[in-house]
């Protein structure tokens, strides 16, 4: 849920601290291209029926890379998922977003 963090630096610093000298950290999230193209619905109803909005922030890959590198992590893998037949079968209204990057999984490790 990095899109709900105002900054990603503390996330990577804490991941690095927890990894110790040899560990792996995987972050999976909504691709920033999807957020820029489609947006992010963040309005929900609270327990009393009042509207609640969750703040959403855009973190580009370069911001993740800079924060992770500064924390002492090394990028090992990056995978990006697109809106494809599988997603459209579950959400037919997403047909208009076919081919848009939807998700990412980034693998980081201690040096």
Protein backbone atom coordinates (compact mmCIF):
# COMPACT_ATOMS: atom_id res chain seq x y z
CA UNK A 1 0.00 0.00 0.00
CA UNK A 2 2.88 2.36 -0.72
CA UNK A 3 0.41 4.61 -2.55
CA UNK A 4 -1.00 5.55 0.86
CA UNK A 5 2.38 6.55 2.29
CA UNK A 6 3.35 10.19 1.84
CA UNK A 7 7.02 9.16 1.59
CA UNK A 8 8.65 5.81 0.78
CA UNK A 9 12.01 6.49 2.44
CA UNK A 10 10.89 5.30 5.92
CA UNK A 11 9.50 2.09 4.38
CA UNK A 12 12.84 1.17 2.81
CA UNK A 13 14.84 2.17 5.89
CA UNK A 14 12.70 -0.10 8.04
CA UNK A 15 12.89 -2.94 5.52
CA UNK A 16 16.68 -2.65 5.50
CA UNK A 17 16.81 -2.65 9.30
CA UNK A 18 14.67 -5.78 9.50
CA UNK A 19 16.61 -7.64 6.78
CA UNK A 20 19.89 -7.58 8.62
CA UNK A 21 23.02 -8.64 6.74
CA UNK A 22 21.28 -11.14 4.44
CA UNK A 23 17.64 -10.88 3.56
CA UNK A 24 15.12 -10.18 0.83
CA UNK A 25 12.33 -7.59 0.74
CA UNK A 26 9.53 -7.80 -1.82
CA UNK A 27 7.16 -4.90 -2.37
CA UNK A 28 4.04 -5.43 -4.46
CA UNK A 29 1.84 -2.51 -5.38
CA UNK A 30 -0.39 -0.72 -7.81
CA UNK A 31 1.70 0.55 -10.71
CA UNK A 32 2.08 4.34 -10.77
CA UNK A 33 1.07 4.34 -14.46
CA UNK A 34 -2.29 2.88 -13.47
CA UNK A 35 -2.75 5.55 -10.81
CA UNK A 36 -1.91 8.29 -13.33
CA UNK A 37 -4.16 6.83 -16.04
CA UNK A 38 -7.12 5.47 -14.10
CA UNK A 39 -6.89 6.99 -10.65
CA UNK A 40 -7.45 5.32 -7.32
CA UNK A 41 -10.87 5.06 -5.69
CA UNK A 42 -10.25 5.85 -2.04
CA UNK A 43 -13.68 6.84 -0.77
CA UNK A 44 -15.39 4.49 1.65
CA UNK A 45 -18.18 4.64 4.19
CA UNK A 46 -17.16 4.76 7.83
CA UNK A 47 -18.89 2.79 10.61
CA UNK A 48 -21.55 5.48 10.97
CA UNK A 49 -22.11 5.82 7.22
CA UNK A 50 -20.00 8.98 6.95
CA UNK A 51 -17.76 9.25 3.87
CA UNK A 52 -14.09 8.51 4.49
CA UNK A 53 -11.34 9.38 2.00
CA UNK A 54 -7.89 7.80 2.15
CA UNK A 55 -5.06 9.97 0.86
CA UNK A 56 -3.28 8.60 -2.21
CA UNK A 57 0.28 9.51 -3.25
CA UNK A 58 2.10 8.83 -6.47
CA UNK A 59 5.58 7.28 -6.14
CA UNK A 60 7.41 6.84 -9.43
CA UNK A 61 9.90 3.97 -9.84
CA UNK A 62 12.81 6.43 -9.58
CA UNK A 63 11.61 7.47 -6.13
CA UNK A 64 11.52 3.83 -5.01
CA UNK A 65 14.97 3.23 -6.48
CA UNK A 66 16.46 6.30 -4.78
CA UNK A 67 14.92 5.47 -1.40
CA UNK A 68 15.93 1.81 -1.52
CA UNK A 69 19.46 2.57 -2.69
CA UNK A 70 19.89 5.22 0.03
CA UNK A 71 18.74 2.62 2.57
CA UNK A 72 21.45 0.24 1.35
CA UNK A 73 19.26 -2.17 -0.63
CA UNK A 74 20.08 -3.68 -4.01
CA UNK A 75 17.43 -4.25 -6.71
CA UNK A 76 17.31 -7.90 -7.79
CA UNK A 77 14.10 -8.18 -9.86
CA UNK A 78 11.25 -6.01 -11.12
CA UNK A 79 8.04 -7.46 -12.55
CA UNK A 80 5.20 -5.40 -14.01
CA UNK A 81 1.70 -6.66 -14.74
CA UNK A 82 -0.60 -5.23 -17.40
CA UNK A 83 -4.38 -5.07 -17.59
CA UNK A 84 -4.91 -8.20 -19.64
CA UNK A 85 -7.57 -10.79 -20.51
CA UNK A 86 -7.41 -12.30 -17.02
CA UNK A 87 -8.12 -8.99 -15.28
CA UNK A 88 -10.73 -7.94 -17.82
CA UNK A 89 -12.59 -11.22 -17.28
CA UNK A 90 -12.93 -10.24 -13.61
CA UNK A 91 -13.58 -6.54 -14.30
CA UNK A 92 -15.10 -6.11 -17.78
CA UNK A 93 -15.24 -2.32 -17.37
CA UNK A 94 -11.42 -2.34 -17.47
CA UNK A 95 -11.42 -3.19 -21.18
CA UNK A 96 -10.69 0.47 -21.88
CA UNK A 97 -7.49 0.10 -19.82
CA UNK A 98 -6.17 -2.94 -21.69
CA UNK A 99 -2.37 -2.84 -21.83
CA UNK A 100 -1.99 -0.27 -19.06
CA UNK A 101 0.52 -1.30 -16.38
CA UNK A 102 -1.52 -2.34 -13.33
CA UNK A 103 0.85 -3.82 -10.76
CA UNK A 104 4.49 -4.22 -9.89
CA UNK A 105 6.59 -6.51 -7.72
CA UNK A 106 10.07 -5.32 -6.86
CA UNK A 107 12.59 -7.59 -5.14
CA UNK A 108 15.31 -5.96 -3.01
CA UNK A 109 18.02 -7.51 -0.92
CA UNK A 110 20.84 -6.69 1.42
CA UNK A 111 24.09 -6.15 -0.48
